[in-house]
N, C-alpha and C. Protein backbone atom coordinates (compact mmCIF):
# COMPACT_ATOMS: atom_id res chain seq x y z
N UNK A 1 -5.02 -5.57 -6.14
CA UNK A 1 -4.75 -5.62 -4.83
C UNK A 1 -5.45 -5.13 -3.88
N UNK A 2 -5.46 -5.29 -2.64
CA UNK A 2 -6.11 -4.59 -1.51
C UNK A 2 -5.32 -4.26 -0.07
N UNK A 3 -5.86 -3.01 0.17
CA UNK A 3 -5.23 -2.40 1.28
C UNK A 3 -5.86 -2.74 2.46
N UNK A 4 -5.04 -2.75 3.47
CA UNK A 4 -5.18 -3.30 4.71
C UNK A 4 -4.64 -2.52 5.91
N UNK A 5 -5.48 -2.18 7.02
CA UNK A 5 -4.68 -1.77 8.22
C UNK A 5 -5.11 -2.88 9.43
N UNK A 6 -3.93 -3.53 9.66
CA UNK A 6 -3.89 -4.72 10.56
C UNK A 6 -4.74 -5.76 9.77
N UNK A 7 -5.87 -6.30 10.27
CA UNK A 7 -6.68 -7.29 9.32
C UNK A 7 -8.18 -6.62 9.08
N UNK A 8 -8.05 -5.28 9.00
CA UNK A 8 -9.15 -4.60 8.53
C UNK A 8 -9.14 -4.08 6.86
N UNK A 9 -9.89 -4.59 6.05
CA UNK A 9 -9.98 -4.38 4.68
C UNK A 9 -10.52 -2.98 4.57
N UNK A 10 -9.64 -2.19 3.77
CA UNK A 10 -9.72 -0.82 3.69
C UNK A 10 -10.23 -0.54 2.00
N UNK A 11 -10.20 -1.38 1.14
CA UNK A 11 -10.27 -1.02 -0.28
C UNK A 11 -9.58 -1.77 -1.34
N UNK A 12 -10.29 -1.81 -2.43
CA UNK A 12 -9.42 -2.48 -3.47
C UNK A 12 -8.64 -1.39 -4.28
N UNK A 13 -7.46 -1.65 -4.69
CA UNK A 13 -6.55 -0.89 -5.63
C UNK A 13 -6.35 -1.22 -6.96
N UNK A 14 -6.78 -0.25 -7.80
CA UNK A 14 -6.56 -0.67 -9.29
C UNK A 14 -5.82 0.27 -10.07
N UNK A 15 -5.54 0.03 -11.22
CA UNK A 15 -4.48 0.68 -12.05
C UNK A 15 -3.40 1.02 -11.38
N UNK A 16 -2.61 0.17 -10.73
CA UNK A 16 -1.54 0.64 -10.02
C UNK A 16 -0.18 0.54 -10.92
N UNK A 17 0.66 1.77 -10.92
CA UNK A 17 1.86 2.01 -11.50
C UNK A 17 2.87 2.38 -10.43
N UNK A 18 4.22 2.13 -10.92
CA UNK A 18 5.24 2.42 -10.24
C UNK A 18 6.28 3.54 -10.87
N UNK A 19 6.88 4.33 -9.90
CA UNK A 19 7.84 5.27 -10.55
C UNK A 19 8.88 5.60 -9.32
N UNK A 20 10.01 4.93 -9.62
CA UNK A 20 11.04 5.04 -8.41
C UNK A 20 10.61 4.11 -7.47
N UNK A 21 10.53 4.64 -6.23
CA UNK A 21 10.14 3.87 -5.09
C UNK A 21 8.66 3.97 -4.81
N UNK A 22 8.14 4.85 -5.50
CA UNK A 22 6.48 5.08 -5.34
C UNK A 22 5.71 4.20 -6.35
N UNK A 23 4.58 3.93 -5.59
CA UNK A 23 3.41 3.02 -6.46
C UNK A 23 2.30 3.77 -6.42
N UNK A 24 1.42 4.03 -7.61
CA UNK A 24 0.24 4.95 -7.45
C UNK A 24 -0.89 4.18 -8.00
N UNK A 25 -1.94 4.21 -7.70
CA UNK A 25 -3.05 3.61 -7.99
C UNK A 25 -4.37 4.33 -7.79
N UNK A 26 -5.58 3.73 -7.93
CA UNK A 26 -6.80 4.13 -7.50
C UNK A 26 -7.53 3.21 -6.46
N UNK A 27 -7.98 3.87 -5.12
CA UNK A 27 -8.80 3.02 -4.13
C UNK A 27 -10.02 3.03 -4.53
N UNK A 28 -10.69 1.75 -4.53
CA UNK A 28 -12.17 1.85 -4.39
C UNK A 28 -12.32 1.45 -2.84
N UNK A 29 -12.58 2.53 -2.13
CA UNK A 29 -12.71 2.19 -0.50
C UNK A 29 -13.93 1.17 -0.11
N UNK A 30 -13.53 0.32 0.90
CA UNK A 30 -14.82 0.04 1.65
C UNK A 30 -15.26 0.73 2.49
N UNK A 31 -16.37 0.41 3.14
CA UNK A 31 -17.15 1.21 4.30
C UNK A 31 -16.13 1.42 5.52
N UNK A 32 -15.20 0.52 5.75
CA UNK A 32 -14.28 0.51 6.80
C UNK A 32 -13.38 1.89 6.75
N UNK A 33 -13.04 2.49 5.73
CA UNK A 33 -12.18 3.21 5.58
C UNK A 33 -12.73 4.91 6.13
N UNK A 34 -13.98 4.73 6.40
CA UNK A 34 -14.68 5.88 6.93
C UNK A 34 -13.78 6.51 8.17
N UNK A 35 -13.55 5.89 9.18
CA UNK A 35 -12.95 6.10 10.47
C UNK A 35 -11.50 6.68 10.19
N UNK A 36 -10.92 6.30 8.98
CA UNK A 36 -9.50 6.84 8.67
C UNK A 36 -9.63 8.14 7.78
N UNK A 37 -10.61 8.43 7.19
CA UNK A 37 -10.60 9.84 6.66
C UNK A 37 -10.15 10.95 7.03
N UNK A 38 -10.34 11.36 8.39
CA UNK A 38 -9.71 12.54 8.81
C UNK A 38 -7.99 12.31 8.93
N UNK A 39 -7.73 11.20 9.18
CA UNK A 39 -6.32 10.86 9.13
C UNK A 39 -5.73 10.89 7.88
N UNK A 40 -6.13 10.33 6.74
CA UNK A 40 -5.77 10.71 5.49
C UNK A 40 -5.61 12.03 4.96
N UNK A 41 -6.78 12.57 5.36
CA UNK A 41 -6.98 13.94 4.97
C UNK A 41 -5.89 15.05 5.58
N UNK A 42 -5.33 14.67 6.82
CA UNK A 42 -4.57 15.34 7.56
C UNK A 42 -2.96 14.91 7.10
N UNK A 43 -2.72 13.71 6.61
CA UNK A 43 -1.51 13.30 5.85
C UNK A 43 -1.31 14.05 4.59
N UNK A 44 -2.29 13.88 3.92
CA UNK A 44 -2.29 14.59 2.16
C UNK A 44 -2.46 15.93 2.19
N UNK A 45 -2.81 16.59 3.27
CA UNK A 45 -2.86 18.31 3.04
C UNK A 45 -1.73 18.91 3.43
N UNK A 46 -1.05 19.50 2.34
CA UNK A 46 0.00 20.12 2.42
C UNK A 46 0.08 21.61 3.03
N UNK A 47 -1.18 22.25 3.21
CA UNK A 47 -1.23 23.60 3.53
C UNK A 47 -1.35 23.60 5.15
N UNK A 48 -1.49 22.35 5.80
CA UNK A 48 -1.45 22.19 7.20
C UNK A 48 -0.44 21.20 7.82
N UNK A 49 0.09 21.66 8.99
CA UNK A 49 1.29 20.66 9.44
C UNK A 49 0.40 19.56 10.09
N UNK A 50 0.86 18.32 9.78
CA UNK A 50 0.58 17.08 10.34
C UNK A 50 0.93 17.03 11.99
N UNK A 51 -0.41 16.75 12.82
CA UNK A 51 0.07 16.66 14.23
C UNK A 51 -0.47 15.23 14.77
N UNK A 52 0.85 14.63 14.85
CA UNK A 52 0.75 12.92 15.13
C UNK A 52 -0.10 12.79 16.29
N UNK A 53 -0.01 13.57 17.30
CA UNK A 53 -0.81 13.38 18.69
C UNK A 53 -2.44 13.44 18.45
N UNK A 54 -3.08 13.67 17.08
CA UNK A 54 -4.29 13.82 17.11
C UNK A 54 -4.76 12.53 16.66
N UNK A 55 -3.95 11.43 16.49
CA UNK A 55 -4.53 10.18 15.76
C UNK A 55 -4.08 9.16 16.61
N UNK A 56 -4.50 7.97 16.69
CA UNK A 56 -4.26 6.62 17.11
C UNK A 56 -2.92 6.38 16.76
N UNK A 57 -2.10 6.12 17.91
CA UNK A 57 -0.60 5.78 17.71
C UNK A 57 -0.32 4.37 16.91
N UNK A 58 -1.22 3.71 16.93
CA UNK A 58 -1.25 2.18 16.05
C UNK A 58 -1.21 2.72 14.59
N UNK A 59 -2.08 3.73 14.31
CA UNK A 59 -2.21 4.12 12.80
C UNK A 59 -1.02 4.64 12.32
N UNK A 60 0.22 5.11 13.20
CA UNK A 60 1.46 5.73 12.79
C UNK A 60 2.37 4.67 12.79
N UNK A 61 1.93 3.23 13.00
CA UNK A 61 2.77 2.54 13.13
C UNK A 61 2.97 1.68 11.75
N UNK A 62 3.81 1.80 10.94
CA UNK A 62 4.10 1.13 9.40
C UNK A 62 3.75 -0.33 9.42
N UNK A 63 4.10 -1.05 10.44
CA UNK A 63 4.01 -2.51 10.60
C UNK A 63 2.67 -2.87 10.55
N UNK A 64 1.43 -2.00 10.73
CA UNK A 64 0.24 -2.28 10.68
C UNK A 64 -0.42 -2.21 9.14
N UNK A 65 0.51 -1.45 8.28
CA UNK A 65 -0.06 -1.22 6.85
C UNK A 65 0.33 -2.21 5.97
N UNK A 66 -0.71 -2.96 5.09
CA UNK A 66 0.03 -3.77 4.00
C UNK A 66 -1.04 -3.92 2.79
N UNK A 67 -0.41 -4.41 1.90
CA UNK A 67 -1.27 -4.88 0.50
C UNK A 67 -1.05 -6.30 0.23
N UNK A 68 -2.50 -6.82 -0.11
CA UNK A 68 -2.18 -8.17 -0.58
C UNK A 68 -2.53 -8.07 -2.03
N UNK A 69 -1.75 -8.96 -2.74
CA UNK A 69 -2.01 -9.02 -4.19
C UNK A 69 -3.27 -10.03 -4.60
N UNK A 70 -3.59 -10.31 -5.88
CA UNK A 70 -4.86 -11.18 -6.13
C UNK A 70 -4.70 -12.67 -5.77
N UNK A 71 -3.53 -13.09 -5.34
CA UNK A 71 -2.99 -14.48 -4.58
C UNK A 71 -3.18 -14.52 -3.24
N UNK A 72 -3.25 -13.25 -2.57
CA UNK A 72 -3.40 -13.29 -1.10
C UNK A 72 -1.90 -12.84 -0.42
N UNK A 73 -1.00 -12.87 -1.32
CA UNK A 73 0.38 -12.73 -0.71
C UNK A 73 0.57 -11.11 -0.25
N UNK A 74 1.08 -11.00 0.97
CA UNK A 74 1.17 -9.95 1.73
C UNK A 74 2.64 -9.11 1.51
N UNK A 75 2.29 -7.84 1.33
CA UNK A 75 3.55 -6.83 1.32
C UNK A 75 3.42 -5.89 1.99
N UNK A 76 4.38 -5.45 3.08
CA UNK A 76 4.32 -4.52 3.89
C UNK A 76 4.67 -3.22 3.38
N UNK A 77 3.84 -2.12 3.61
CA UNK A 77 4.02 -0.81 3.19
C UNK A 77 4.30 0.46 4.05
N UNK A 78 4.83 1.54 3.90
CA UNK A 78 4.97 2.52 4.62
C UNK A 78 3.58 3.01 4.62
N UNK A 79 3.04 4.11 5.57
CA UNK A 79 1.62 4.73 5.55
C UNK A 79 1.45 5.12 4.41
N UNK A 80 0.18 4.74 3.85
CA UNK A 80 -0.39 5.20 2.46
C UNK A 80 -0.65 6.59 2.44
N UNK A 81 -0.57 7.28 1.37
CA UNK A 81 -1.60 8.38 1.30
C UNK A 81 -2.52 8.34 0.45
N UNK A 82 -3.71 8.41 1.10
CA UNK A 82 -5.00 8.23 0.26
C UNK A 82 -5.73 9.67 0.06
N UNK A 83 -6.00 10.12 -0.87
CA UNK A 83 -6.55 11.36 -1.33
C UNK A 83 -8.08 11.27 -1.42
N UNK A 84 -8.74 12.29 -1.03
CA UNK A 84 -10.30 12.20 -1.30
C UNK A 84 -10.79 11.78 -2.40
N UNK A 85 -10.03 12.03 -3.67
CA UNK A 85 -10.63 11.69 -4.99
C UNK A 85 -10.35 9.95 -5.32
N UNK A 86 -9.66 9.56 -4.42
CA UNK A 86 -9.35 8.00 -4.48
C UNK A 86 -7.97 7.61 -4.91
N UNK A 87 -7.15 8.80 -5.12
CA UNK A 87 -5.94 8.35 -5.49
C UNK A 87 -5.02 7.71 -4.39
N UNK A 88 -4.22 6.94 -4.47
CA UNK A 88 -3.47 6.08 -3.42
C UNK A 88 -1.92 6.12 -3.79
N UNK A 89 -1.02 6.50 -2.93
CA UNK A 89 0.22 6.47 -3.41
C UNK A 89 0.98 5.64 -1.89
N UNK A 90 1.86 4.89 -2.22
CA UNK A 90 2.58 4.08 -1.18
C UNK A 90 4.14 3.89 -1.69
N UNK A 91 4.80 3.36 -0.81
CA UNK A 91 5.96 2.77 -0.93
C UNK A 91 6.04 1.45 -0.02
N UNK A 92 6.86 0.48 -0.67
CA UNK A 92 6.90 -0.77 0.01
C UNK A 92 7.98 -0.47 1.04
N UNK A 93 7.71 -1.36 2.11
CA UNK A 93 8.78 -1.19 3.34
C UNK A 93 9.92 -1.96 3.08
N UNK A 94 11.01 -1.68 3.54
CA UNK A 94 12.34 -2.35 3.22
C UNK A 94 12.18 -3.76 3.98
N UNK A 95 11.59 -3.71 5.26
CA UNK A 95 11.57 -4.86 5.94
C UNK A 95 10.10 -5.77 5.53
N UNK A 96 9.73 -5.70 4.30
CA UNK A 96 8.71 -6.31 3.85
C UNK A 96 8.38 -7.70 4.44
N UNK A 97 7.03 -7.74 4.42
CA UNK A 97 6.46 -9.01 5.59
C UNK A 97 6.81 -10.18 4.75
């Protein structure tokens, strides 16, 4: 599977598994992910409160995030949690694309 923000490829997801509403995997990031690193760090850092106004409003719009499978089929996701070690967690959107 591949992670996208709008039409920007952010990396390949492998070893995905699901538990309840959540899906977990490992992200092999592309170079495109660099500009989102601070955003993902802020989202996943439980010791600090996330401040939405520090980031581009389009990054907070869940309709911009999706995953494609190996056949290229697209599925909408909520904003993913991407951790520095490459772990990624997400939930499929109810209004899936």
